[in-house]
Amino acid sequence: MKLYALVLIMLMGALANAAPIGNQKAPKGGTFKIQMDAAPTTLNALSSTDFYASEVQVKVMETLLNKNPETRDW
């Protein structure tokens, strides 16, 4: 059991120091379009219950907070 914990800790440490994935010089900004079968009923995260609203919220809110890979600050 101790061996598994040690391997897990080593793996987590290696992943924390890994280089960022993706092209860091890729252009930022623009418009992202996605095909959906229906329009979301609301974009209010507190009151939405449908699948389409959840899909939009995940794609928008996921990018609101990023961690700096050099300083590890949010």
C-alpha atoms as a PDB file:
ATOM      1  CA  MET A   1       0.000   0.000   0.000  1.00  0.00           C
ATOM      2  CA  LYS A   2       2.856   2.370   0.819  1.00  0.00           C
ATOM      3  CA  LEU A   3       4.367   1.691  -2.603  1.00  0.00           C
ATOM      4  CA  TYR A   4       1.138   2.730  -4.335  1.00  0.00           C
ATOM      5  CA  ALA A   5       0.991   5.934  -2.306  1.00  0.00           C
ATOM      6  CA  LEU A   6       4.617   6.734  -3.135  1.00  0.00           C
ATOM      7  CA  VAL A   7       4.065   6.109  -6.861  1.00  0.00           C
ATOM      8  CA  LEU A   8       0.932   8.267  -6.800  1.00  0.00           C
ATOM      9  CA  ILE A   9       2.763  11.129  -5.078  1.00  0.00           C
ATOM     10  CA  MET A  10       5.647  10.912  -7.545  1.00  0.00           C
ATOM     11  CA  LEU A  11       3.240  10.886 -10.487  1.00  0.00           C
ATOM     12  CA  MET A  12       1.360  13.916  -9.169  1.00  0.00           C
ATOM     13  CA  GLY A  13       4.639  15.782  -8.711  1.00  0.00           C
ATOM     14  CA  ALA A  14       5.741  14.963 -12.245  1.00  0.00           C
ATOM     15  CA  LEU A  15       2.417  16.138 -13.676  1.00  0.00           C
ATOM     16  CA  ALA A  16       2.554  19.378 -11.683  1.00  0.00           C
ATOM     17  CA  ASN A  17       5.885  20.235 -13.315  1.00  0.00           C
ATOM     18  CA  ALA A  18       4.825  19.199 -16.828  1.00  0.00           C
ATOM     19  CA  ALA A  19       4.925  21.702 -19.663  1.00  0.00           C
ATOM     20  CA  PRO A  20       1.613  23.278 -20.667  1.00  0.00           C
ATOM     21  CA  ILE A  21      -0.314  21.474 -23.373  1.00  0.00           C
ATOM     22  CA  GLY A  22      -1.107  23.273 -26.591  1.00  0.00           C
ATOM     23  CA  ASN A  23       0.465  26.016 -28.638  1.00  0.00           C
ATOM     24  CA  GLN A  24       1.219  28.927 -26.304  1.00  0.00           C
ATOM     25  CA  LYS A  25       1.664  31.250 -29.318  1.00  0.00           C
ATOM     26  CA  ALA A  26      -1.778  30.487 -30.759  1.00  0.00           C
ATOM     27  CA  PRO A  27      -3.854  33.602 -31.442  1.00  0.00           C
ATOM     28  CA  LYS A  28      -6.291  34.508 -28.676  1.00  0.00           C
ATOM     29  CA  GLY A  29      -9.748  35.964 -29.036  1.00  0.00           C
ATOM     30  CA  GLY A  30     -12.256  35.552 -31.809  1.00  0.00           C
ATOM     31  CA  THR A  31     -15.617  33.825 -31.914  1.00  0.00           C
ATOM     32  CA  PHE A  32     -16.345  30.226 -31.006  1.00  0.00           C
ATOM     33  CA  LYS A  33     -19.415  28.740 -32.682  1.00  0.00           C
ATOM     34  CA  ILE A  34     -20.990  25.406 -31.858  1.00  0.00           C
ATOM     35  CA  GLN A  35     -23.980  23.595 -33.374  1.00  0.00           C
ATOM     36  CA  MET A  36     -26.713  22.808 -30.867  1.00  0.00           C
ATOM     37  CA  ASP A  37     -30.068  21.144 -31.450  1.00  0.00           C
ATOM     38  CA  ALA A  38     -31.899  23.691 -29.287  1.00  0.00           C
ATOM     39  CA  ALA A  39     -31.286  27.021 -27.610  1.00  0.00           C
ATOM     40  CA  PRO A  40     -30.582  27.060 -23.874  1.00  0.00           C
ATOM     41  CA  THR A  41     -33.572  28.176 -21.811  1.00  0.00           C
ATOM     42  CA  THR A  42     -31.356  30.437 -19.657  1.00  0.00           C
ATOM     43  CA  LEU A  43     -27.659  31.087 -19.092  1.00  0.00           C
ATOM     44  CA  ASN A  44     -28.153  31.683 -15.375  1.00  0.00           C
ATOM     45  CA  ALA A  45     -26.078  28.962 -13.708  1.00  0.00           C
ATOM     46  CA  LEU A  46     -28.218  29.097 -10.556  1.00  0.00           C
ATOM     47  CA  SER A  47     -31.547  28.429 -12.250  1.00  0.00           C
ATOM     48  CA  SER A  48     -30.724  26.457 -15.401  1.00  0.00           C
ATOM     49  CA  THR A  49     -31.648  22.790 -15.497  1.00  0.00           C
ATOM     50  CA  ASP A  50     -31.408  21.812 -19.159  1.00  0.00           C
ATOM     51  CA  PHE A  51     -28.565  20.099 -21.010  1.00  0.00           C
ATOM     52  CA  TYR A  52     -27.982  22.890 -23.527  1.00  0.00           C
ATOM     53  CA  ALA A  53     -27.539  25.567 -20.870  1.00  0.00           C
ATOM     54  CA  SER A  54     -25.076  23.310 -19.077  1.00  0.00           C
ATOM     55  CA  GLU A  55     -23.054  22.818 -22.265  1.00  0.00           C
ATOM     56  CA  VAL A  56     -22.756  26.566 -22.840  1.00  0.00           C
ATOM     57  CA  GLN A  57     -21.895  27.259 -19.197  1.00  0.00           C
ATOM     58  CA  VAL A  58     -19.114  24.660 -19.165  1.00  0.00           C
ATOM     59  CA  LYS A  59     -17.500  26.119 -22.279  1.00  0.00           C
ATOM     60  CA  VAL A  60     -17.738  29.698 -21.005  1.00  0.00           C
ATOM     61  CA  MET A  61     -16.925  29.300 -17.330  1.00  0.00           C
ATOM     62  CA  GLU A  62     -14.095  26.833 -17.837  1.00  0.00           C
ATOM     63  CA  THR A  63     -11.953  29.586 -19.357  1.00  0.00           C
ATOM     64  CA  LEU A  64     -12.654  32.313 -16.805  1.00  0.00           C
ATOM     65  CA  LEU A  65      -9.878  31.227 -14.462  1.00  0.00           C
ATOM     66  CA  ASN A  66      -6.459  30.044 -15.615  1.00  0.00           C
ATOM     67  CA  LYS A  67      -3.355  29.130 -13.674  1.00  0.00           C
ATOM     68  CA  ASN A  68      -0.041  30.732 -14.666  1.00  0.00           C
ATOM     69  CA  PRO A  69       2.312  27.796 -15.420  1.00  0.00           C
ATOM     70  CA  GLU A  70       5.398  29.744 -14.311  1.00  0.00           C
ATOM     71  CA  THR A  71       4.225  31.308 -11.041  1.00  0.00           C
ATOM     72  CA  ARG A  72       1.390  28.833 -10.382  1.00  0.00           C
ATOM     73  CA  ASP A  73      -0.817  31.746  -9.398  1.00  0.00           C
ATOM     74  CA  TRP A  74      -4.471  31.920 -10.409  1.00  0.00           C
END
